[in-house]
Amino acid sequence: MPTQKKSFSFAALFRDSVNKTVNKVDTLSYKTVSANKATANKKWVIVDAENQVVGRLSAKVAKILRGKYKPSFTPHADCGDNVIIINAEKVVFTGNKMNDKVYTRHTGYPGGQRFATPTEVMRKYPERILENAIKGMLPKNRLGRAILGNLYVYVGTDHKHSGQQPELINLDNLK
């Protein structure tokens, strides 16, 4: 008796192989985990600003505040650490910026535009130089204003956050 040949179809072969691979994939392993206010692991850190360049210090502190050094970084959430900066009066500018740079502000009244150099600002409010620089490196929205609330800048080495048990970090180890 003659034997019948089985019909061969590439479409059927392809369909069978796709079904086998789809069943083997664990879809739960591909879920992206986003941090939120409840799941953010916020720490308290101290940064010593003595002999640090203002811009370089500010860039690293802004990244710490934002949480970009953490693997759980989420762009739309406040997942960064609380940062305490001490010795704010001992920061340095490169070049001749201490006399050439100009900070502009406005009182809100007509003709109320005021100008100040870093030397003048340093004499009255040394902490404002770092606050200004870091504020300029954060997002310009509600999240940026909330993140700025996690920054504490102090003149000298004394601060009132010892109850939080902050750890001193070296910014030279960060990229």
Protein backbone atom coordinates (compact mmCIF):
# COMPACT_ATOMS: atom_id res chain seq x y z
CA MET A 1 0.00 0.00 0.00
CA PRO A 2 1.38 3.43 -0.88
CA THR A 3 2.28 5.72 2.01
CA GLN A 4 0.89 9.21 2.12
CA LYS A 5 3.27 12.11 2.31
CA LYS A 6 2.74 14.62 5.07
CA SER A 7 2.23 18.14 3.84
CA PHE A 8 4.90 20.59 5.06
CA SER A 9 4.07 24.19 5.82
CA PHE A 10 6.56 26.90 6.86
CA ALA A 11 3.72 28.95 8.33
CA ALA A 12 2.73 26.14 10.68
CA LEU A 13 6.34 25.60 11.71
CA PHE A 14 6.83 29.31 12.42
CA ARG A 15 3.55 29.52 14.37
CA ASP A 16 4.53 26.56 16.55
CA SER A 17 7.99 27.98 17.34
CA VAL A 18 6.56 31.41 18.26
CA ASN A 19 4.00 29.88 20.60
CA LYS A 20 6.70 27.89 22.39
CA THR A 21 8.92 30.96 23.01
CA VAL A 22 6.04 33.18 24.17
CA ASN A 23 5.05 30.70 26.82
CA LYS A 24 8.59 30.56 28.23
CA VAL A 25 9.03 34.34 28.84
CA ASP A 26 8.45 35.52 32.38
CA THR A 27 6.61 38.80 31.89
CA LEU A 28 6.95 39.84 35.54
CA SER A 29 10.71 40.23 35.20
CA TYR A 30 10.21 43.10 32.74
CA LYS A 31 8.18 45.37 35.01
CA THR A 32 9.76 48.77 35.54
CA VAL A 33 9.77 49.78 39.18
CA SER A 34 9.17 53.48 39.79
CA ALA A 35 10.03 55.00 43.14
CA ASN A 36 7.49 57.22 44.87
CA LYS A 37 7.32 59.16 48.10
CA ALA A 38 6.60 56.03 50.13
CA THR A 39 9.21 53.74 48.54
CA ALA A 40 12.05 56.27 48.19
CA ASN A 41 14.97 55.34 50.44
CA LYS A 42 16.02 58.82 51.54
CA LYS A 43 19.21 59.27 53.56
CA TRP A 44 20.79 62.29 55.24
CA VAL A 45 24.27 63.26 54.06
CA ILE A 46 26.73 66.00 55.01
CA VAL A 47 28.91 67.75 52.45
CA ASP A 48 31.86 69.86 53.56
CA ALA A 49 32.16 72.84 51.20
CA GLU A 50 35.58 73.98 52.39
CA ASN A 51 37.86 74.86 49.42
CA GLN A 52 35.33 73.47 46.91
CA VAL A 53 34.62 75.22 43.60
CA VAL A 54 31.04 76.55 43.65
CA GLY A 55 29.86 75.18 40.29
CA ARG A 56 31.37 71.72 40.65
CA LEU A 57 30.10 71.35 44.20
CA SER A 58 26.63 72.54 43.18
CA ALA A 59 26.39 70.14 40.24
CA LYS A 60 27.17 67.12 42.41
CA VAL A 61 24.88 68.22 45.22
CA ALA A 62 22.04 68.80 42.72
CA LYS A 63 22.48 65.23 41.45
CA ILE A 64 22.39 63.89 45.03
CA LEU A 65 19.25 65.94 45.80
CA ARG A 66 17.59 64.70 42.62
CA GLY A 67 18.54 61.05 43.34
CA LYS A 68 20.48 60.46 40.13
CA TYR A 69 23.19 58.46 41.90
CA LYS A 70 20.60 55.86 42.97
CA PRO A 71 19.58 52.87 40.86
CA SER A 72 15.93 53.59 41.70
CA PHE A 73 16.01 57.10 40.17
CA THR A 74 12.58 58.20 38.96
CA PRO A 75 12.40 61.52 37.06
CA HIS A 76 8.94 62.49 38.28
CA ALA A 77 9.44 61.73 42.00
CA ASP A 78 11.43 63.20 44.87
CA CYS A 79 13.68 60.20 45.54
CA GLY A 80 16.94 62.01 46.36
CA ASP A 81 18.72 62.37 49.68
CA ASN A 82 18.56 65.22 52.19
CA VAL A 83 21.80 67.19 51.95
CA ILE A 84 23.42 69.30 54.68
CA ILE A 85 26.20 71.60 53.47
CA ILE A 86 28.58 72.97 56.10
CA ASN A 87 31.31 75.62 55.80
CA ALA A 88 29.42 77.49 53.08
CA GLU A 89 31.53 80.60 53.63
CA LYS A 90 34.70 78.76 52.53
CA VAL A 91 33.71 78.01 48.92
CA VAL A 92 35.86 79.39 46.11
CA PHE A 93 35.26 80.65 42.59
CA THR A 94 37.65 79.98 39.72
CA GLY A 95 39.26 82.85 37.89
CA ASN A 96 38.20 86.37 38.82
CA LYS A 97 34.50 85.53 39.25
CA MET A 98 34.51 86.72 42.86
CA ASN A 99 34.60 90.31 41.54
CA ASP A 100 33.35 90.00 37.93
CA LYS A 101 30.23 87.83 38.35
CA VAL A 102 27.01 89.74 39.01
CA TYR A 103 23.88 88.45 40.77
CA THR A 104 20.71 90.25 39.67
CA ARG A 105 17.51 90.40 41.71
CA HIS A 106 14.41 92.57 41.77
CA THR A 107 12.61 93.99 44.78
CA GLY A 108 9.25 93.96 43.03
CA TYR A 109 8.89 97.74 42.97
CA PRO A 110 9.39 99.95 39.89
CA GLY A 111 13.08 100.62 39.42
CA GLY A 112 13.87 97.95 42.00
CA GLN A 113 16.54 96.01 40.09
CA ARG A 114 19.53 95.33 42.35
CA PHE A 115 22.98 93.97 41.50
CA ALA A 116 25.59 92.33 43.75
CA THR A 117 28.93 90.61 43.27
CA PRO A 118 29.77 87.36 45.09
CA THR A 119 32.06 89.35 47.40
CA GLU A 120 29.12 91.48 48.58
CA VAL A 121 26.80 88.49 48.91
CA MET A 122 29.47 86.51 50.77
CA ARG A 123 29.85 89.32 53.31
CA LYS A 124 26.14 89.31 54.26
CA TYR A 125 24.67 85.90 53.36
CA PRO A 126 27.35 83.32 52.44
CA GLU A 127 24.84 80.47 52.22
CA ARG A 128 22.88 82.16 49.41
CA ILE A 129 25.67 81.64 46.91
CA LEU A 130 25.34 77.85 47.12
CA GLU A 131 21.54 77.96 47.38
CA ASN A 132 21.37 80.07 44.21
CA ALA A 133 23.76 77.84 42.27
CA ILE A 134 22.01 74.60 43.26
CA LYS A 135 18.55 76.05 42.62
CA GLY A 136 19.61 76.87 39.05
CA MET A 137 20.56 73.21 38.47
CA LEU A 138 17.22 71.75 39.55
CA PRO A 139 14.01 71.48 37.49
CA LYS A 140 12.00 74.68 37.20
CA ASN A 141 8.66 73.27 38.41
CA ARG A 142 6.85 72.04 41.54
CA LEU A 143 9.19 69.07 41.83
CA GLY A 144 12.26 71.32 41.74
CA ARG A 145 10.84 73.52 44.51
CA ALA A 146 10.07 70.44 46.61
CA ILE A 147 13.55 69.02 46.07
CA LEU A 148 15.12 72.35 47.10
CA GLY A 149 13.41 71.88 50.47
CA ASN A 150 15.76 68.92 51.08
CA LEU A 151 18.80 71.23 51.03
CA TYR A 152 20.19 72.75 54.24
CA VAL A 153 23.14 75.15 53.95
CA TYR A 154 25.01 76.36 57.06
CA VAL A 155 27.84 78.77 57.74
CA GLY A 156 30.41 77.02 59.92
CA THR A 157 30.37 73.40 61.04
CA ASP A 158 27.36 73.52 63.38
CA HIS A 159 23.99 72.27 62.19
CA LYS A 160 20.76 71.22 63.90
CA HIS A 161 20.25 67.87 62.16
CA SER A 162 22.40 65.59 64.32
CA GLY A 163 19.26 63.64 65.31
CA GLN A 164 19.01 62.36 61.71
CA GLN A 165 22.48 60.78 62.03
CA PRO A 166 23.79 62.09 58.69
CA GLU A 167 26.84 60.52 57.12
CA LEU A 168 29.74 62.59 55.80
CA ILE A 169 30.39 61.96 52.10
CA ASN A 170 33.37 62.85 49.95
CA LEU A 171 32.27 64.46 46.68
CA ASP A 172 35.57 63.56 45.00
CA ASN A 173 34.42 59.92 44.90
CA LEU A 174 31.30 60.83 42.88
CA LYS A 175 31.30 61.41 39.15
